Amino acid sequence: MAYEELTIEGRNAVIEAFRAGKTVDKIFVLEGCKDGPIQTVLREAKKQSTIVNFVKKERLDQLSETGKHQGVIAHLAAYEYSTVEEIMDRAAQKGEAPFVILLDGIEDPHNLGSIIRTANQAGAHGVIIPKRRAVGLTALWQRHLQERFIILRWQR
């Protein structure tokens, strides 16, 4: 994986990640697969508004690190995303007007990390990134983020 994304492969592993409350950014599911465990994965993904990509077996094989994907691969968030309320609460606790950075179309994790660091230094209370068509936080940037900084993913 080019950007150290947290990846889980296999039906039961992905189901357990959802049930454990992990934030799953997106899943890749084998096209045409309709068996029970895959349907369970799809139900859990729908509950959490997770992005679902139906792909051919060749694509899953390319994405797989173990070769044992069982028709499903999940990309987990490297960072626990927050809510708008948490961003507003943070501003209120400091007695400041909310200062929030809204991003759209950022596709390079290095650019996202740079923007987040800059926002933090500028005193922003949080950064909001879209759920689709934008990179999520990867393990690469997790170590650079201060726990007190708030990031939210939103869906259009």
N, C-alpha and C. Protein backbone atom coordinates (compact mmCIF):
# COMPACT_ATOMS: atom_id res chain seq x y z
N MET A 1 0.84 -1.17 0.00
CA MET A 1 0.00 0.00 0.00
C MET A 1 0.89 1.25 0.00
N ALA A 2 0.61 2.13 -0.89
CA ALA A 2 1.46 3.29 -1.09
C ALA A 2 1.45 4.24 0.11
N TYR A 3 0.33 4.34 0.81
CA TYR A 3 0.23 5.32 1.89
C TYR A 3 -0.08 4.69 3.24
N GLU A 4 0.29 3.45 3.44
CA GLU A 4 0.13 2.78 4.72
C GLU A 4 -1.31 2.77 5.21
N GLU A 5 -2.25 2.51 4.34
CA GLU A 5 -3.64 2.45 4.77
C GLU A 5 -3.84 1.20 5.63
N LEU A 6 -4.74 1.27 6.56
CA LEU A 6 -5.06 0.13 7.38
C LEU A 6 -6.04 -0.73 6.59
N THR A 7 -5.64 -1.93 6.26
CA THR A 7 -6.43 -2.80 5.40
C THR A 7 -6.77 -4.09 6.13
N ILE A 8 -8.02 -4.52 5.96
CA ILE A 8 -8.47 -5.80 6.50
C ILE A 8 -9.00 -6.62 5.33
N GLU A 9 -8.63 -7.89 5.28
CA GLU A 9 -9.07 -8.77 4.22
C GLU A 9 -9.83 -9.95 4.81
N GLY A 10 -10.86 -10.38 4.10
CA GLY A 10 -11.62 -11.55 4.52
C GLY A 10 -12.97 -11.18 5.10
N ARG A 11 -13.93 -12.05 4.85
CA ARG A 11 -15.31 -11.77 5.24
C ARG A 11 -15.49 -11.57 6.73
N ASN A 12 -15.05 -12.55 7.52
CA ASN A 12 -15.26 -12.46 8.96
C ASN A 12 -14.49 -11.31 9.59
N ALA A 13 -13.28 -11.06 9.11
CA ALA A 13 -12.48 -9.96 9.65
C ALA A 13 -13.16 -8.62 9.40
N VAL A 14 -13.73 -8.44 8.21
CA VAL A 14 -14.41 -7.19 7.90
C VAL A 14 -15.69 -7.05 8.71
N ILE A 15 -16.45 -8.12 8.83
CA ILE A 15 -17.68 -8.09 9.65
C ILE A 15 -17.33 -7.72 11.09
N GLU A 16 -16.29 -8.33 11.64
CA GLU A 16 -15.90 -8.03 13.02
C GLU A 16 -15.42 -6.60 13.19
N ALA A 17 -14.76 -6.05 12.17
CA ALA A 17 -14.34 -4.64 12.25
C ALA A 17 -15.55 -3.73 12.35
N PHE A 18 -16.56 -4.00 11.52
CA PHE A 18 -17.79 -3.20 11.60
C PHE A 18 -18.43 -3.34 12.97
N ARG A 19 -18.57 -4.56 13.44
CA ARG A 19 -19.25 -4.80 14.71
C ARG A 19 -18.49 -4.26 15.91
N ALA A 20 -17.17 -4.13 15.77
CA ALA A 20 -16.35 -3.58 16.84
C ALA A 20 -16.37 -2.05 16.85
N GLY A 21 -17.10 -1.48 15.88
CA GLY A 21 -17.23 -0.03 15.84
C GLY A 21 -16.07 0.68 15.16
N LYS A 22 -15.24 -0.04 14.44
CA LYS A 22 -14.14 0.58 13.71
C LYS A 22 -14.70 1.46 12.60
N THR A 23 -14.01 2.55 12.29
CA THR A 23 -14.43 3.43 11.21
C THR A 23 -13.86 2.88 9.91
N VAL A 24 -14.74 2.38 9.06
CA VAL A 24 -14.33 1.81 7.78
C VAL A 24 -14.59 2.86 6.70
N ASP A 25 -13.52 3.31 6.05
CA ASP A 25 -13.66 4.34 5.01
C ASP A 25 -14.33 3.79 3.77
N LYS A 26 -13.89 2.62 3.31
CA LYS A 26 -14.49 2.03 2.12
C LYS A 26 -14.20 0.55 2.07
N ILE A 27 -15.06 -0.16 1.34
CA ILE A 27 -14.84 -1.59 1.13
C ILE A 27 -14.86 -1.89 -0.36
N PHE A 28 -14.13 -2.91 -0.72
CA PHE A 28 -14.11 -3.43 -2.09
C PHE A 28 -14.71 -4.82 -2.03
N VAL A 29 -15.76 -5.05 -2.83
CA VAL A 29 -16.49 -6.31 -2.81
C VAL A 29 -16.47 -6.91 -4.21
N LEU A 30 -16.31 -8.22 -4.27
CA LEU A 30 -16.31 -8.93 -5.54
C LEU A 30 -17.64 -8.78 -6.24
N GLU A 31 -17.59 -8.33 -7.50
CA GLU A 31 -18.81 -8.17 -8.31
C GLU A 31 -19.58 -9.47 -8.38
N GLY A 32 -20.88 -9.38 -8.22
CA GLY A 32 -21.76 -10.53 -8.39
C GLY A 32 -21.81 -11.50 -7.23
N CYS A 33 -21.03 -11.30 -6.20
CA CYS A 33 -21.03 -12.19 -5.05
C CYS A 33 -22.25 -11.90 -4.19
N LYS A 34 -23.09 -12.91 -3.98
CA LYS A 34 -24.35 -12.72 -3.27
C LYS A 34 -24.51 -13.63 -2.05
N ASP A 35 -23.43 -14.25 -1.59
CA ASP A 35 -23.59 -15.20 -0.49
C ASP A 35 -23.81 -14.48 0.85
N GLY A 36 -24.16 -15.24 1.86
CA GLY A 36 -24.57 -14.70 3.16
C GLY A 36 -23.58 -13.76 3.82
N PRO A 37 -22.31 -14.17 3.99
CA PRO A 37 -21.37 -13.27 4.66
C PRO A 37 -21.16 -11.95 3.92
N ILE A 38 -21.16 -11.99 2.60
CA ILE A 38 -21.00 -10.75 1.83
C ILE A 38 -22.22 -9.86 2.04
N GLN A 39 -23.40 -10.44 2.10
CA GLN A 39 -24.61 -9.66 2.36
C GLN A 39 -24.55 -9.02 3.75
N THR A 40 -23.98 -9.75 4.71
CA THR A 40 -23.81 -9.19 6.05
C THR A 40 -22.85 -8.00 6.01
N VAL A 41 -21.75 -8.14 5.27
CA VAL A 41 -20.80 -7.04 5.11
C VAL A 41 -21.51 -5.82 4.51
N LEU A 42 -22.31 -6.04 3.48
CA LEU A 42 -23.01 -4.94 2.81
C LEU A 42 -24.03 -4.27 3.74
N ARG A 43 -24.72 -5.06 4.57
CA ARG A 43 -25.66 -4.49 5.54
C ARG A 43 -24.93 -3.61 6.55
N GLU A 44 -23.82 -4.12 7.06
CA GLU A 44 -23.04 -3.35 8.04
C GLU A 44 -22.49 -2.08 7.40
N ALA A 45 -22.05 -2.17 6.14
CA ALA A 45 -21.53 -1.00 5.44
C ALA A 45 -22.62 0.05 5.26
N LYS A 46 -23.83 -0.41 4.95
CA LYS A 46 -24.94 0.53 4.77
C LYS A 46 -25.27 1.24 6.08
N LYS A 47 -25.24 0.51 7.20
CA LYS A 47 -25.52 1.10 8.51
C LYS A 47 -24.56 2.24 8.82
N GLN A 48 -23.30 2.10 8.40
CA GLN A 48 -22.29 3.11 8.71
C GLN A 48 -22.02 4.07 7.56
N SER A 49 -22.83 3.98 6.51
CA SER A 49 -22.65 4.83 5.32
C SER A 49 -21.24 4.71 4.74
N THR A 50 -20.74 3.50 4.73
CA THR A 50 -19.41 3.22 4.18
C THR A 50 -19.49 3.16 2.66
N ILE A 51 -18.47 3.67 2.00
CA ILE A 51 -18.40 3.61 0.54
C ILE A 51 -18.16 2.17 0.13
N VAL A 52 -18.97 1.68 -0.81
CA VAL A 52 -18.85 0.31 -1.31
C VAL A 52 -18.48 0.36 -2.79
N ASN A 53 -17.40 -0.32 -3.14
CA ASN A 53 -16.96 -0.43 -4.53
C ASN A 53 -17.04 -1.89 -4.95
N PHE A 54 -17.83 -2.18 -5.98
CA PHE A 54 -17.90 -3.53 -6.52
C PHE A 54 -16.86 -3.64 -7.62
N VAL A 55 -15.95 -4.61 -7.47
CA VAL A 55 -14.82 -4.74 -8.39
C VAL A 55 -14.67 -6.18 -8.86
N LYS A 56 -13.92 -6.34 -9.93
CA LYS A 56 -13.63 -7.67 -10.46
C LYS A 56 -12.58 -8.36 -9.59
N LYS A 57 -12.51 -9.68 -9.71
CA LYS A 57 -11.57 -10.47 -8.92
C LYS A 57 -10.13 -10.02 -9.13
N GLU A 58 -9.79 -9.65 -10.35
CA GLU A 58 -8.43 -9.21 -10.65
C GLU A 58 -8.05 -7.98 -9.83
N ARG A 59 -9.00 -7.06 -9.66
CA ARG A 59 -8.74 -5.85 -8.87
C ARG A 59 -8.56 -6.20 -7.40
N LEU A 60 -9.39 -7.09 -6.88
CA LEU A 60 -9.23 -7.52 -5.49
C LEU A 60 -7.88 -8.18 -5.29
N ASP A 61 -7.47 -8.99 -6.25
CA ASP A 61 -6.17 -9.64 -6.16
C ASP A 61 -5.04 -8.62 -6.12
N GLN A 62 -5.17 -7.54 -6.89
CA GLN A 62 -4.17 -6.47 -6.88
C GLN A 62 -4.11 -5.76 -5.52
N LEU A 63 -5.27 -5.53 -4.94
CA LEU A 63 -5.35 -4.82 -3.66
C LEU A 63 -4.93 -5.68 -2.48
N SER A 64 -5.06 -6.98 -2.64
CA SER A 64 -4.82 -7.90 -1.54
C SER A 64 -3.33 -8.00 -1.21
N GLU A 65 -3.04 -7.95 0.08
CA GLU A 65 -1.67 -8.13 0.54
C GLU A 65 -1.40 -9.59 0.89
N THR A 66 -2.44 -10.33 1.21
CA THR A 66 -2.28 -11.72 1.64
C THR A 66 -2.70 -12.73 0.58
N GLY A 67 -3.50 -12.28 -0.39
CA GLY A 67 -4.04 -13.20 -1.39
C GLY A 67 -5.23 -13.98 -0.88
N LYS A 68 -5.72 -13.67 0.32
CA LYS A 68 -6.83 -14.40 0.94
C LYS A 68 -7.96 -13.44 1.29
N HIS A 69 -8.41 -12.69 0.29
CA HIS A 69 -9.41 -11.65 0.54
C HIS A 69 -10.83 -12.17 0.66
N GLN A 70 -11.15 -13.37 0.18
CA GLN A 70 -12.47 -13.98 0.25
C GLN A 70 -13.56 -13.09 -0.35
N GLY A 71 -13.17 -12.25 -1.30
CA GLY A 71 -14.16 -11.42 -1.98
C GLY A 71 -14.43 -10.08 -1.34
N VAL A 72 -13.69 -9.72 -0.29
CA VAL A 72 -13.91 -8.42 0.36
C VAL A 72 -12.62 -7.90 1.00
N ILE A 73 -12.38 -6.61 0.79
CA ILE A 73 -11.26 -5.91 1.41
C ILE A 73 -11.79 -4.59 1.95
N ALA A 74 -11.40 -4.26 3.17
CA ALA A 74 -11.84 -3.01 3.79
C ALA A 74 -10.64 -2.11 4.09
N HIS A 75 -10.83 -0.81 3.87
CA HIS A 75 -9.84 0.20 4.25
C HIS A 75 -10.38 0.92 5.47
N LEU A 76 -9.67 0.82 6.57
CA LEU A 76 -10.09 1.45 7.81
C LEU A 76 -9.45 2.82 7.97
N ALA A 77 -10.15 3.66 8.69
CA ALA A 77 -9.60 4.98 9.00
C ALA A 77 -8.45 4.81 9.98
N ALA A 78 -7.40 5.58 9.76
CA ALA A 78 -6.26 5.55 10.66
C ALA A 78 -6.48 6.48 11.85
N TYR A 79 -7.58 7.20 11.82
CA TYR A 79 -7.87 8.21 12.82
C TYR A 79 -9.36 8.17 13.08
N GLU A 80 -9.76 8.35 14.29
CA GLU A 80 -11.18 8.36 14.63
C GLU A 80 -11.76 9.73 14.32
N TYR A 81 -12.66 9.80 13.38
CA TYR A 81 -13.24 11.08 12.98
C TYR A 81 -14.23 11.58 14.02
N SER A 82 -14.48 12.86 13.99
CA SER A 82 -15.32 13.51 14.99
C SER A 82 -16.62 14.01 14.38
N THR A 83 -17.35 14.78 15.17
CA THR A 83 -18.61 15.35 14.72
C THR A 83 -18.52 16.87 14.70
N VAL A 84 -19.45 17.51 14.01
CA VAL A 84 -19.51 18.97 13.98
C VAL A 84 -19.70 19.50 15.39
N GLU A 85 -20.50 18.80 16.19
CA GLU A 85 -20.75 19.25 17.56
C GLU A 85 -19.45 19.31 18.36
N GLU A 86 -18.57 18.34 18.16
CA GLU A 86 -17.30 18.34 18.88
C GLU A 86 -16.43 19.53 18.46
N ILE A 87 -16.48 19.87 17.18
CA ILE A 87 -15.73 21.03 16.71
C ILE A 87 -16.28 22.30 17.35
N MET A 88 -17.60 22.43 17.36
CA MET A 88 -18.23 23.62 17.95
C MET A 88 -17.99 23.68 19.47
N ASP A 89 -18.05 22.54 20.13
CA ASP A 89 -17.77 22.49 21.57
C ASP A 89 -16.35 22.94 21.87
N ARG A 90 -15.42 22.52 21.02
CA ARG A 90 -14.02 22.91 21.21
C ARG A 90 -13.88 24.43 21.14
N ALA A 91 -14.54 25.04 20.17
CA ALA A 91 -14.49 26.50 20.04
C ALA A 91 -15.13 27.17 21.26
N ALA A 92 -16.27 26.63 21.69
CA ALA A 92 -16.98 27.21 22.84
C ALA A 92 -16.14 27.11 24.11
N GLN A 93 -15.45 26.00 24.30
CA GLN A 93 -14.61 25.81 25.49
C GLN A 93 -13.49 26.85 25.54
N LYS A 94 -13.03 27.25 24.37
CA LYS A 94 -11.96 28.26 24.31
C LYS A 94 -12.52 29.68 24.31
N GLY A 95 -13.86 29.79 24.23
CA GLY A 95 -14.48 31.10 24.19
C GLY A 95 -14.21 31.84 22.89
N GLU A 96 -14.08 31.10 21.81
CA GLU A 96 -13.76 31.67 20.50
C GLU A 96 -14.86 31.37 19.50
N ALA A 97 -14.92 32.18 18.46
CA ALA A 97 -15.81 31.87 17.34
C ALA A 97 -15.21 30.68 16.60
N PRO A 98 -16.04 29.76 16.12
CA PRO A 98 -15.51 28.58 15.43
C PRO A 98 -14.68 28.95 14.20
N PHE A 99 -13.52 28.33 14.10
CA PHE A 99 -12.63 28.49 12.95
C PHE A 99 -12.44 27.10 12.38
N VAL A 100 -13.12 26.83 11.26
CA VAL A 100 -13.13 25.49 10.67
C VAL A 100 -12.63 25.57 9.23
N ILE A 101 -11.81 24.64 8.86
CA ILE A 101 -11.29 24.55 7.50
C ILE A 101 -12.09 23.48 6.77
N LEU A 102 -12.70 23.84 5.63
CA LEU A 102 -13.46 22.90 4.81
C LEU A 102 -12.63 22.57 3.58
N LEU A 103 -12.44 21.29 3.31
CA LEU A 103 -11.63 20.85 2.18
C LEU A 103 -12.48 20.04 1.21
N ASP A 104 -12.08 20.06 -0.05
CA ASP A 104 -12.76 19.25 -1.05
C ASP A 104 -11.76 18.87 -2.13
N GLY A 105 -11.78 17.63 -2.54
CA GLY A 105 -10.96 17.18 -3.66
C GLY A 105 -9.49 16.97 -3.34
N ILE A 106 -9.12 16.86 -2.09
CA ILE A 106 -7.73 16.60 -1.74
C ILE A 106 -7.48 15.10 -1.93
N GLU A 107 -6.59 14.74 -2.84
CA GLU A 107 -6.38 13.33 -3.18
C GLU A 107 -5.03 12.79 -2.72
N ASP A 108 -4.13 13.65 -2.31
CA ASP A 108 -2.80 13.21 -1.87
C ASP A 108 -2.72 13.30 -0.35
N PRO A 109 -2.43 12.20 0.32
CA PRO A 109 -2.36 12.23 1.78
C PRO A 109 -1.29 13.20 2.31
N HIS A 110 -0.23 13.41 1.56
CA HIS A 110 0.80 14.34 2.00
C HIS A 110 0.25 15.77 2.01
N ASN A 111 -0.53 16.12 1.00
CA ASN A 111 -1.15 17.46 0.97
C ASN A 111 -2.13 17.62 2.12
N LEU A 112 -2.93 16.59 2.36
CA LEU A 112 -3.89 16.65 3.46
C LEU A 112 -3.16 16.84 4.78
N GLY A 113 -2.11 16.10 4.99
CA GLY A 113 -1.34 16.23 6.23
C GLY A 113 -0.77 17.63 6.40
N SER A 114 -0.27 18.19 5.32
CA SER A 114 0.29 19.55 5.37
C SER A 114 -0.79 20.57 5.72
N ILE A 115 -1.95 20.42 5.11
CA ILE A 115 -3.06 21.33 5.38
C ILE A 115 -3.51 21.22 6.84
N ILE A 116 -3.58 20.00 7.35
CA ILE A 116 -4.01 19.80 8.73
C ILE A 116 -3.00 20.41 9.70
N ARG A 117 -1.72 20.21 9.45
CA ARG A 117 -0.70 20.81 10.32
C ARG A 117 -0.79 22.34 10.28
N THR A 118 -0.97 22.89 9.08
CA THR A 118 -1.09 24.35 8.95
C THR A 118 -2.34 24.86 9.67
N ALA A 119 -3.46 24.16 9.51
CA ALA A 119 -4.70 24.55 10.19
C ALA A 119 -4.51 24.52 11.70
N ASN A 120 -3.83 23.52 12.19
CA ASN A 120 -3.57 23.41 13.62
C ASN A 120 -2.72 24.58 14.11
N GLN A 121 -1.69 24.92 13.36
CA GLN A 121 -0.82 26.04 13.75
C GLN A 121 -1.55 27.37 13.65
N ALA A 122 -2.51 27.47 12.74
CA ALA A 122 -3.27 28.72 12.57
C ALA A 122 -4.37 28.87 13.61
N GLY A 123 -4.58 27.85 14.42
CA GLY A 123 -5.57 27.93 15.48
C GLY A 123 -6.95 27.44 15.10
N ALA A 124 -7.06 26.70 14.00
CA ALA A 124 -8.37 26.16 13.59
C ALA A 124 -8.86 25.18 14.64
N HIS A 125 -10.16 25.11 14.79
CA HIS A 125 -10.76 24.19 15.75
C HIS A 125 -11.00 22.81 15.13
N GLY A 126 -10.98 22.74 13.81
CA GLY A 126 -11.17 21.46 13.15
C GLY A 126 -11.07 21.59 11.64
N VAL A 127 -10.95 20.44 11.00
CA VAL A 127 -10.91 20.35 9.54
C VAL A 127 -12.00 19.39 9.11
N ILE A 128 -12.73 19.76 8.07
CA ILE A 128 -13.79 18.90 7.55
C ILE A 128 -13.39 18.47 6.14
N ILE A 129 -13.37 17.14 5.92
CA ILE A 129 -13.03 16.60 4.61
C ILE A 129 -14.21 15.77 4.10
N PRO A 130 -14.41 15.70 2.79
CA PRO A 130 -15.54 14.92 2.27
C PRO A 130 -15.32 13.42 2.42
N LYS A 131 -16.41 12.71 2.46
CA LYS A 131 -16.35 11.27 2.59
C LYS A 131 -15.98 10.62 1.26
N ARG A 132 -16.43 11.21 0.16
CA ARG A 132 -16.15 10.68 -1.17
C ARG A 132 -15.24 11.63 -1.94
N ARG A 133 -14.52 11.06 -2.87
CA ARG A 133 -13.64 11.81 -3.77
C ARG A 133 -12.60 12.63 -3.03
N ALA A 134 -12.10 12.10 -1.94
CA ALA A 134 -11.01 12.74 -1.23
C ALA A 134 -10.29 11.67 -0.40
N VAL A 135 -9.02 11.89 -0.19
CA VAL A 135 -8.24 10.95 0.59
C VAL A 135 -8.66 11.05 2.06
N GLY A 136 -8.58 9.94 2.76
CA GLY A 136 -8.80 9.94 4.20
C GLY A 136 -7.46 10.00 4.90
N LEU A 137 -7.48 10.05 6.19
CA LEU A 137 -6.23 10.04 6.94
C LEU A 137 -5.64 8.65 6.93
N THR A 138 -4.37 8.57 6.67
CA THR A 138 -3.69 7.28 6.63
C THR A 138 -2.82 7.15 7.87
N ALA A 139 -2.30 5.96 8.07
CA ALA A 139 -1.42 5.72 9.21
C ALA A 139 -0.19 6.61 9.16
N LEU A 140 0.20 7.01 7.97
CA LEU A 140 1.35 7.90 7.78
C LEU A 140 1.17 9.20 8.56
N TRP A 141 -0.04 9.74 8.58
CA TRP A 141 -0.28 11.03 9.24
C TRP A 141 -0.79 10.90 10.65
N GLN A 142 -1.20 9.70 11.03
CA GLN A 142 -1.75 9.53 12.37
C GLN A 142 -0.75 9.94 13.44
N ARG A 143 0.50 9.60 13.24
CA ARG A 143 1.50 9.92 14.27
C ARG A 143 1.78 11.42 14.37
N HIS A 144 1.47 12.18 13.31
CA HIS A 144 1.72 13.61 13.32
C HIS A 144 0.58 14.42 13.94
N LEU A 145 -0.58 13.82 14.03
CA LEU A 145 -1.75 14.55 14.53
C LEU A 145 -1.76 14.58 16.04
N GLN A 146 -2.07 15.73 16.55
CA GLN A 146 -2.21 15.83 17.99
C GLN A 146 -3.62 15.36 18.33
N GLU A 147 -3.73 14.65 19.41
CA GLU A 147 -5.01 14.05 19.79
C GLU A 147 -6.11 15.11 19.94
N ARG A 148 -5.73 16.30 20.31
CA ARG A 148 -6.75 17.33 20.54
C ARG A 148 -7.29 17.95 19.27
N PHE A 149 -6.68 17.65 18.11
CA PHE A 149 -7.15 18.24 16.87
C PHE A 149 -8.31 17.41 16.32
N ILE A 150 -9.32 18.08 15.77
CA ILE A 150 -10.55 17.40 15.37
C ILE A 150 -10.69 17.38 13.86
N ILE A 151 -11.00 16.21 13.34
CA ILE A 151 -11.22 16.05 11.90
C ILE A 151 -12.54 15.33 11.70
N LEU A 152 -13.32 15.80 10.75
CA LEU A 152 -14.64 15.25 10.48
C LEU A 152 -14.73 14.91 9.01
N ARG A 153 -15.33 13.77 8.68
CA ARG A 153 -15.64 13.44 7.29
C ARG A 153 -17.12 13.68 7.08
N TRP A 154 -17.47 14.35 6.01
CA TRP A 154 -18.88 14.64 5.72
C TRP A 154 -19.27 14.02 4.40
N GLN A 155 -20.54 13.75 4.28
CA GLN A 155 -21.09 13.17 3.05
C GLN A 155 -21.99 14.20 2.40
N ARG A 156 -21.80 14.38 1.10
CA ARG A 156 -22.62 15.37 0.38
C ARG A 156 -24.04 14.90 0.28
